[in-house]
Amino acid sequence: AIASTARKENLMNAINYLGIAHHFDLIFAGVDVEKGKPDPEIYLKSMKALGVTPDETLIFEDSQVGIEAAKASGASYMIVDKLWK
């Protein structure tokens, strides 16, 4: 799943540009939740939709508010650092 609180149009433009949309069973954006990160709503909603528990979930995050949301969801998470070239 992709669970981003970005604007749906921006998120879908990026995913379609990269040609990766077909790899995901679920794509949620900011419009799909009432509360943005650091609230864990988007992660909890994604887990529920996929029928998985926090123990079965690994979240990749690159922002402080996202890391806080991941922690609050109860799932395991990895911090993704920026790529420097």
PDB file of N, CA and C in Angstrom:
ATOM      1  N   ALA A   1       0.838  -1.187   0.000  1.00  0.00           N
ATOM      2  CA  ALA A   1       0.000   0.000   0.000  1.00  0.00           C
ATOM      3  C   ALA A   1       0.880   1.247   0.000  1.00  0.00           C
ATOM      4  N   ILE A   2       0.315   2.296  -0.535  1.00  0.00           N
ATOM      5  CA  ILE A   2       0.893   3.620  -0.368  1.00  0.00           C
ATOM      6  C   ILE A   2      -0.079   4.396   0.495  1.00  0.00           C
ATOM      7  N   ALA A   3       0.427   4.970   1.571  1.00  0.00           N
ATOM      8  CA  ALA A   3      -0.388   5.753   2.491  1.00  0.00           C
ATOM      9  C   ALA A   3       0.289   7.098   2.676  1.00  0.00           C
ATOM     10  N   SER A   4      -0.104   8.052   1.863  1.00  0.00           N
ATOM     11  CA  SER A   4       0.511   9.377   1.881  1.00  0.00           C
ATOM     12  C   SER A   4      -0.559  10.423   2.129  1.00  0.00           C
ATOM     13  N   THR A   5      -0.249  11.412   2.934  1.00  0.00           N
ATOM     14  CA  THR A   5      -1.228  12.478   3.138  1.00  0.00           C
ATOM     15  C   THR A   5      -1.009  13.621   2.148  1.00  0.00           C
ATOM     16  N   ALA A   6      -0.266  13.345   1.094  1.00  0.00           N
ATOM     17  CA  ALA A   6      -0.102  14.319   0.006  1.00  0.00           C
ATOM     18  C   ALA A   6      -1.431  14.497  -0.724  1.00  0.00           C
ATOM     19  N   ARG A   7      -1.509  15.544  -1.527  1.00  0.00           N
ATOM     20  CA  ARG A   7      -2.689  15.729  -2.370  1.00  0.00           C
ATOM     21  C   ARG A   7      -2.779  14.563  -3.345  1.00  0.00           C
ATOM     22  N   LYS A   8      -3.979  14.029  -3.517  1.00  0.00           N
ATOM     23  CA  LYS A   8      -4.177  12.845  -4.367  1.00  0.00           C
ATOM     24  C   LYS A   8      -3.651  13.072  -5.786  1.00  0.00           C
ATOM     25  N   GLU A   9      -3.926  14.241  -6.348  1.00  0.00           N
ATOM     26  CA  GLU A   9      -3.474  14.528  -7.710  1.00  0.00           C
ATOM     27  C   GLU A   9      -1.946  14.481  -7.806  1.00  0.00           C
ATOM     28  N   ASN A  10      -1.264  15.102  -6.857  1.00  0.00           N
ATOM     29  CA  ASN A  10       0.204  15.086  -6.862  1.00  0.00           C
ATOM     30  C   ASN A  10       0.746  13.681  -6.673  1.00  0.00           C
ATOM     31  N   LEU A  11       0.152  12.938  -5.745  1.00  0.00           N
ATOM     32  CA  LEU A  11       0.591  11.574  -5.477  1.00  0.00           C
ATOM     33  C   LEU A  11       0.416  10.697  -6.716  1.00  0.00           C
ATOM     34  N   MET A  12      -0.744  10.761  -7.327  1.00  0.00           N
ATOM     35  CA  MET A  12      -1.007   9.921  -8.500  1.00  0.00           C
ATOM     36  C   MET A  12      -0.129  10.324  -9.683  1.00  0.00           C
ATOM     37  N   ASN A  13       0.125  11.623  -9.834  1.00  0.00           N
ATOM     38  CA  ASN A  13       1.041  12.062 -10.898  1.00  0.00           C
ATOM     39  C   ASN A  13       2.422  11.438 -10.712  1.00  0.00           C
ATOM     40  N   ALA A  14       2.931  11.454  -9.486  1.00  0.00           N
ATOM     41  CA  ALA A  14       4.254  10.882  -9.204  1.00  0.00           C
ATOM     42  C   ALA A  14       4.259   9.372  -9.431  1.00  0.00           C
ATOM     43  N   ILE A  15       3.248   8.688  -8.935  1.00  0.00           N
ATOM     44  CA  ILE A  15       3.169   7.227  -9.068  1.00  0.00           C
ATOM     45  C   ILE A  15       3.049   6.830 -10.535  1.00  0.00           C
ATOM     46  N   ASN A  16       2.221   7.550 -11.270  1.00  0.00           N
ATOM     47  CA  ASN A  16       2.050   7.238 -12.693  1.00  0.00           C
ATOM     48  C   ASN A  16       3.307   7.558 -13.491  1.00  0.00           C
ATOM     49  N   TYR A  17       3.978   8.650 -13.154  1.00  0.00           N
ATOM     50  CA  TYR A  17       5.232   8.997 -13.825  1.00  0.00           C
ATOM     51  C   TYR A  17       6.268   7.887 -13.635  1.00  0.00           C
ATOM     52  N   LEU A  18       6.330   7.359 -12.416  1.00  0.00           N
ATOM     53  CA  LEU A  18       7.278   6.286 -12.112  1.00  0.00           C
ATOM     54  C   LEU A  18       6.826   4.928 -12.664  1.00  0.00           C
ATOM     55  N   GLY A  19       5.569   4.837 -13.061  1.00  0.00           N
ATOM     56  CA  GLY A  19       5.050   3.592 -13.612  1.00  0.00           C
ATOM     57  C   GLY A  19       4.937   2.468 -12.600  1.00  0.00           C
ATOM     58  N   ILE A  20       4.607   2.804 -11.350  1.00  0.00           N
ATOM     59  CA  ILE A  20       4.587   1.792 -10.297  1.00  0.00           C
ATOM     60  C   ILE A  20       3.205   1.524  -9.707  1.00  0.00           C
ATOM     61  N   ALA A  21       2.182   2.199 -10.178  1.00  0.00           N
ATOM     62  CA  ALA A  21       0.846   2.070  -9.587  1.00  0.00           C
ATOM     63  C   ALA A  21       0.377   0.621  -9.540  1.00  0.00           C
ATOM     64  N   HIS A  22       0.694  -0.148 -10.549  1.00  0.00           N
ATOM     65  CA  HIS A  22       0.228  -1.536 -10.623  1.00  0.00           C
ATOM     66  C   HIS A  22       0.847  -2.447  -9.554  1.00  0.00           C
ATOM     67  N   HIS A  23       1.853  -1.975  -8.862  1.00  0.00           N
ATOM     68  CA  HIS A  23       2.496  -2.772  -7.814  1.00  0.00           C
ATOM     69  C   HIS A  23       1.763  -2.696  -6.472  1.00  0.00           C
ATOM     70  N   PHE A  24       0.770  -1.830  -6.364  1.00  0.00           N
ATOM     71  CA  PHE A  24       0.121  -1.580  -5.076  1.00  0.00           C
ATOM     72  C   PHE A  24      -1.345  -1.978  -5.100  1.00  0.00           C
ATOM     73  N   ASP A  25      -1.773  -2.673  -4.053  1.00  0.00           N
ATOM     74  CA  ASP A  25      -3.174  -3.069  -3.907  1.00  0.00           C
ATOM     75  C   ASP A  25      -4.025  -1.917  -3.390  1.00  0.00           C
ATOM     76  N   LEU A  26      -3.399  -0.933  -2.785  1.00  0.00           N
ATOM     77  CA  LEU A  26      -4.128   0.154  -2.131  1.00  0.00           C
ATOM     78  C   LEU A  26      -3.306   1.428  -2.194  1.00  0.00           C
ATOM     79  N   ILE A  27      -3.959   2.535  -2.520  1.00  0.00           N
ATOM     80  CA  ILE A  27      -3.301   3.846  -2.504  1.00  0.00           C
ATOM     81  C   ILE A  27      -4.245   4.826  -1.819  1.00  0.00           C
ATOM     82  N   PHE A  28      -3.819   5.313  -0.654  1.00  0.00           N
ATOM     83  CA  PHE A  28      -4.574   6.323   0.082  1.00  0.00           C
ATOM     84  C   PHE A  28      -3.792   7.628   0.057  1.00  0.00           C
ATOM     85  N   ALA A  29      -4.527   8.725  -0.057  1.00  0.00           N
ATOM     86  CA  ALA A  29      -3.941  10.068  -0.021  1.00  0.00           C
ATOM     87  C   ALA A  29      -4.636  10.877   1.065  1.00  0.00           C
ATOM     88  N   GLY A  30      -4.215  12.124   1.216  1.00  0.00           N
ATOM     89  CA  GLY A  30      -4.754  12.993   2.257  1.00  0.00           C
ATOM     90  C   GLY A  30      -6.265  13.111   2.241  1.00  0.00           C
ATOM     91  N   VAL A  31      -6.845  13.109   1.071  1.00  0.00           N
ATOM     92  CA  VAL A  31      -8.294  13.237   0.936  1.00  0.00           C
ATOM     93  C   VAL A  31      -9.044  12.039   1.529  1.00  0.00           C
ATOM     94  N   ASP A  32      -8.362  10.938   1.723  1.00  0.00           N
ATOM     95  CA  ASP A  32      -8.987   9.710   2.210  1.00  0.00           C
ATOM     96  C   ASP A  32      -9.072   9.613   3.727  1.00  0.00           C
ATOM     97  N   VAL A  33      -8.535  10.610   4.429  1.00  0.00           N
ATOM     98  CA  VAL A  33      -8.567  10.609   5.895  1.00  0.00           C
ATOM     99  C   VAL A  33      -9.011  11.971   6.415  1.00  0.00           C
ATOM    100  N   GLU A  34      -9.482  11.969   7.649  1.00  0.00           N
ATOM    101  CA  GLU A  34      -9.886  13.222   8.289  1.00  0.00           C
ATOM    102  C   GLU A  34      -8.712  13.924   8.958  1.00  0.00           C
ATOM    103  N   LYS A  35      -7.772  13.141   9.483  1.00  0.00           N
ATOM    104  CA  LYS A  35      -6.641  13.692  10.225  1.00  0.00           C
ATOM    105  C   LYS A  35      -5.338  13.358   9.497  1.00  0.00           C
ATOM    106  N   GLY A  36      -4.502  14.351   9.322  1.00  0.00           N
ATOM    107  CA  GLY A  36      -3.193  14.132   8.705  1.00  0.00           C
ATOM    108  C   GLY A  36      -2.178  13.670   9.727  1.00  0.00           C
ATOM    109  N   LYS A  37      -1.033  13.293   9.224  1.00  0.00           N
ATOM    110  CA  LYS A  37       0.079  12.915  10.092  1.00  0.00           C
ATOM    111  C   LYS A  37       0.459  14.130  10.929  1.00  0.00           C
ATOM    112  N   PRO A  38       0.804  13.987  12.169  1.00  0.00           N
ATOM    113  CA  PRO A  38       1.302  12.800  12.850  1.00  0.00           C
ATOM    114  C   PRO A  38       0.226  11.857  13.400  1.00  0.00           C
ATOM    115  N   ASP A  39      -1.057  12.136  13.141  1.00  0.00           N
ATOM    116  CA  ASP A  39      -2.091  11.178  13.521  1.00  0.00           C
ATOM    117  C   ASP A  39      -1.898   9.904  12.696  1.00  0.00           C
ATOM    118  N   PRO A  40      -2.045   8.737  13.297  1.00  0.00           N
ATOM    119  CA  PRO A  40      -1.809   7.484  12.570  1.00  0.00           C
ATOM    120  C   PRO A  40      -3.001   7.011  11.730  1.00  0.00           C
ATOM    121  N   GLU A  41      -4.028   7.838  11.578  1.00  0.00           N
ATOM    122  CA  GLU A  41      -5.257   7.407  10.900  1.00  0.00           C
ATOM    123  C   GLU A  41      -4.997   6.759   9.544  1.00  0.00           C
ATOM    124  N   ILE A  42      -4.164   7.357   8.712  1.00  0.00           N
ATOM    125  CA  ILE A  42      -3.948   6.807   7.372  1.00  0.00           C
ATOM    126  C   ILE A  42      -3.306   5.423   7.417  1.00  0.00           C
ATOM    127  N   TYR A  43      -2.433   5.189   8.374  1.00  0.00           N
ATOM    128  CA  TYR A  43      -1.819   3.875   8.512  1.00  0.00           C
ATOM    129  C   TYR A  43      -2.811   2.855   9.049  1.00  0.00           C
ATOM    130  N   LEU A  44      -3.570   3.249  10.056  1.00  0.00           N
ATOM    131  CA  LEU A  44      -4.555   2.334  10.628  1.00  0.00           C
ATOM    132  C   LEU A  44      -5.635   1.992   9.605  1.00  0.00           C
ATOM    133  N   LYS A  45      -6.068   2.976   8.816  1.00  0.00           N
ATOM    134  CA  LYS A  45      -7.069   2.742   7.774  1.00  0.00           C
ATOM    135  C   LYS A  45      -6.514   1.814   6.696  1.00  0.00           C
ATOM    136  N   SER A  46      -5.255   1.985   6.341  1.00  0.00           N
ATOM    137  CA  SER A  46      -4.625   1.119   5.345  1.00  0.00           C
ATOM    138  C   SER A  46      -4.535  -0.314   5.842  1.00  0.00           C
ATOM    139  N   MET A  47      -4.099  -0.479   7.085  1.00  0.00           N
ATOM    140  CA  MET A  47      -3.995  -1.825   7.651  1.00  0.00           C
ATOM    141  C   MET A  47      -5.354  -2.507   7.688  1.00  0.00           C
ATOM    142  N   LYS A  48      -6.371  -1.762   8.094  1.00  0.00           N
ATOM    143  CA  LYS A  48      -7.720  -2.328   8.160  1.00  0.00           C
ATOM    144  C   LYS A  48      -8.183  -2.747   6.768  1.00  0.00           C
ATOM    145  N   ALA A  49      -7.976  -1.891   5.769  1.00  0.00           N
ATOM    146  CA  ALA A  49      -8.411  -2.196   4.398  1.00  0.00           C
ATOM    147  C   ALA A  49      -7.703  -3.423   3.836  1.00  0.00           C
ATOM    148  N   LEU A  50      -6.455  -3.637   4.235  1.00  0.00           N
ATOM    149  CA  LEU A  50      -5.691  -4.782   3.752  1.00  0.00           C
ATOM    150  C   LEU A  50      -5.864  -6.029   4.628  1.00  0.00           C
ATOM    151  N   GLY A  51      -6.533  -5.856   5.762  1.00  0.00           N
ATOM    152  CA  GLY A  51      -6.755  -6.989   6.652  1.00  0.00           C
ATOM    153  C   GLY A  51      -5.500  -7.461   7.353  1.00  0.00           C
ATOM    154  N   VAL A  52      -4.624  -6.506   7.707  1.00  0.00           N
ATOM    155  CA  VAL A  52      -3.392  -6.858   8.410  1.00  0.00           C
ATOM    156  C   VAL A  52      -3.329  -6.123   9.748  1.00  0.00           C
ATOM    157  N   THR A  53      -2.499  -6.641  10.630  1.00  0.00           N
ATOM    158  CA  THR A  53      -2.303  -6.032  11.943  1.00  0.00           C
ATOM    159  C   THR A  53      -1.014  -5.206  11.941  1.00  0.00           C
ATOM    160  N   PRO A  54      -0.834  -4.355  12.947  1.00  0.00           N
ATOM    161  CA  PRO A  54       0.441  -3.638  13.045  1.00  0.00           C
ATOM    162  C   PRO A  54       1.650  -4.572  13.088  1.00  0.00           C
ATOM    163  N   ASP A  55       1.498  -5.744  13.696  1.00  0.00           N
ATOM    164  CA  ASP A  55       2.609  -6.710  13.755  1.00  0.00           C
ATOM    165  C   ASP A  55       2.995  -7.250  12.381  1.00  0.00           C
ATOM    166  N   GLU A  56       2.111  -7.121  11.410  1.00  0.00           N
ATOM    167  CA  GLU A  56       2.362  -7.617  10.053  1.00  0.00           C
ATOM    168  C   GLU A  56       2.730  -6.489   9.087  1.00  0.00           C
ATOM    169  N   THR A  57       2.969  -5.299   9.638  1.00  0.00           N
ATOM    170  CA  THR A  57       3.151  -4.105   8.815  1.00  0.00           C
ATOM    171  C   THR A  57       4.527  -3.492   9.012  1.00  0.00           C
ATOM    172  N   LEU A  58       5.121  -3.055   7.913  1.00  0.00           N
ATOM    173  CA  LEU A  58       6.376  -2.304   7.936  1.00  0.00           C
ATOM    174  C   LEU A  58       6.152  -1.013   7.159  1.00  0.00           C
ATOM    175  N   ILE A  59       6.375   0.103   7.814  1.00  0.00           N
ATOM    176  CA  ILE A  59       6.161   1.428   7.227  1.00  0.00           C
ATOM    177  C   ILE A  59       7.516   2.052   6.915  1.00  0.00           C
ATOM    178  N   PHE A  60       7.629   2.635   5.727  1.00  0.00           N
ATOM    179  CA  PHE A  60       8.819   3.383   5.335  1.00  0.00           C
ATOM    180  C   PHE A  60       8.464   4.863   5.399  1.00  0.00           C
ATOM    181  N   GLU A  61       9.224   5.637   6.152  1.00  0.00           N
ATOM    182  CA  GLU A  61       8.912   7.056   6.348  1.00  0.00           C
ATOM    183  C   GLU A  61      10.145   7.927   6.175  1.00  0.00           C
ATOM    184  N   ASP A  62       9.911   9.142   5.662  1.00  0.00           N
ATOM    185  CA  ASP A  62      11.023  10.073   5.450  1.00  0.00           C
ATOM    186  C   ASP A  62      10.815  11.426   6.121  1.00  0.00           C
ATOM    187  N   SER A  63       9.728  11.596   6.863  1.00  0.00           N
ATOM    188  CA  SER A  63       9.485  12.886   7.520  1.00  0.00           C
ATOM    189  C   SER A  63       9.238  12.679   9.012  1.00  0.00           C
ATOM    190  N   GLN A  64       9.494  13.708   9.778  1.00  0.00           N
ATOM    191  CA  GLN A  64       9.312  13.606  11.227  1.00  0.00           C
ATOM    192  C   GLN A  64       7.861  13.320  11.599  1.00  0.00           C
ATOM    193  N   VAL A  65       6.903  14.032  10.962  1.00  0.00           N
ATOM    194  CA  VAL A  65       5.492  13.780  11.295  1.00  0.00           C
ATOM    195  C   VAL A  65       5.076  12.380  10.862  1.00  0.00           C
ATOM    196  N   GLY A  66       5.637  11.888   9.768  1.00  0.00           N
ATOM    197  CA  GLY A  66       5.346  10.531   9.331  1.00  0.00           C
ATOM    198  C   GLY A  66       5.899   9.488  10.279  1.00  0.00           C
ATOM    199  N   ILE A  67       7.089   9.748  10.793  1.00  0.00           N
ATOM    200  CA  ILE A  67       7.696   8.836  11.768  1.00  0.00           C
ATOM    201  C   ILE A  67       6.846   8.789  13.030  1.00  0.00           C
ATOM    202  N   GLU A  68       6.361   9.944  13.463  1.00  0.00           N
ATOM    203  CA  GLU A  68       5.487   9.983  14.639  1.00  0.00           C
ATOM    204  C   GLU A  68       4.200   9.200  14.385  1.00  0.00           C
ATOM    205  N   ALA A  69       3.635   9.328  13.189  1.00  0.00           N
ATOM    206  CA  ALA A  69       2.421   8.586  12.840  1.00  0.00           C
ATOM    207  C   ALA A  69       2.698   7.088  12.805  1.00  0.00           C
ATOM    208  N   ALA A  70       3.829   6.703  12.232  1.00  0.00           N
ATOM    209  CA  ALA A  70       4.196   5.291  12.163  1.00  0.00           C
ATOM    210  C   ALA A  70       4.337   4.702  13.566  1.00  0.00           C
ATOM    211  N   LYS A  71       5.033   5.416  14.446  1.00  0.00           N
ATOM    212  CA  LYS A  71       5.182   4.953  15.831  1.00  0.00           C
ATOM    213  C   LYS A  71       3.824   4.779  16.494  1.00  0.00           C
ATOM    214  N   ALA A  72       2.953   5.773  16.319  1.00  0.00           N
ATOM    215  CA  ALA A  72       1.638   5.749  16.960  1.00  0.00           C
ATOM    216  C   ALA A  72       0.744   4.639  16.418  1.00  0.00           C
ATOM    217  N   SER A  73       1.024   4.163  15.207  1.00  0.00           N
ATOM    218  CA  SER A  73       0.205   3.099  14.616  1.00  0.00           C
ATOM    219  C   SER A  73       0.484   1.740  15.236  1.00  0.00           C
ATOM    220  N   GLY A  74       1.630   1.606  15.882  1.00  0.00           N
ATOM    221  CA  GLY A  74       2.015   0.333  16.475  1.00  0.00           C
ATOM    222  C   GLY A  74       2.769  -0.587  15.527  1.00  0.00           C
ATOM    223  N   ALA A  75       2.947  -0.159  14.285  1.00  0.00           N
ATOM    224  CA  ALA A  75       3.657  -0.972  13.294  1.00  0.00           C
ATOM    225  C   ALA A  75       5.164  -0.755  13.411  1.00  0.00           C
ATOM    226  N   SER A  76       5.920  -1.653  12.822  1.00  0.00           N
ATOM    227  CA  SER A  76       7.354  -1.441  12.691  1.00  0.00           C
ATOM    228  C   SER A  76       7.564  -0.394  11.598  1.00  0.00           C
ATOM    229  N   TYR A  77       8.667   0.314  11.664  1.00  0.00           N
ATOM    230  CA  TYR A  77       8.919   1.341  10.653  1.00  0.00           C
ATOM    231  C   TYR A  77      10.406   1.478  10.402  1.00  0.00           C
ATOM    232  N   MET A  78      10.713   1.968   9.207  1.00  0.00           N
ATOM    233  CA  MET A  78      12.093   2.270   8.822  1.00  0.00           C
ATOM    234  C   MET A  78      12.146   3.730   8.407  1.00  0.00           C
ATOM    235  N   ILE A  79      13.182   4.406   8.841  1.00  0.00           N
ATOM    236  CA  ILE A  79      13.375   5.803   8.451  1.00  0.00           C
ATOM    237  C   ILE A  79      14.185   5.831   7.170  1.00  0.00           C
ATOM    238  N   VAL A  80      13.633   6.477   6.158  1.00  0.00           N
ATOM    239  CA  VAL A  80      14.266   6.596   4.857  1.00  0.00           C
ATOM    240  C   VAL A  80      14.924   7.967   4.792  1.00  0.00           C
ATOM    241  N   ASP A  81      16.222   7.971   4.604  1.00  0.00           N
ATOM    242  CA  ASP A  81      16.962   9.219   4.525  1.00  0.00           C
ATOM    243  C   ASP A  81      16.955   9.698   3.072  1.00  0.00           C
ATOM    244  N   LYS A  82      17.257  10.946   2.895  1.00  0.00           N
ATOM    245  CA  LYS A  82      17.311  11.512   1.554  1.00  0.00           C
ATOM    246  C   LYS A  82      18.492  10.941   0.771  1.00  0.00           C
ATOM    247  N   LEU A  83      18.311  10.804  -0.519  1.00  0.00           N
ATOM    248  CA  LEU A  83      19.371  10.332  -1.397  1.00  0.00           C
ATOM    249  C   LEU A  83      20.186  11.517  -1.877  1.00  0.00           C
ATOM    250  N   TRP A  84      21.481  11.476  -1.657  1.00  0.00           N
ATOM    251  CA  TRP A  84      22.357  12.579  -2.071  1.00  0.00           C
ATOM    252  C   TRP A  84      23.216  12.106  -3.226  1.00  0.00           C
ATOM    253  N   LYS A  85      23.308  12.922  -4.257  1.00  0.00           N
ATOM    254  CA  LYS A  85      24.170  12.592  -5.410  1.00  0.00           C
ATOM    255  C   LYS A  85      25.159  13.727  -5.622  1.00  0.00           C
TER     256      LYS A  85
END
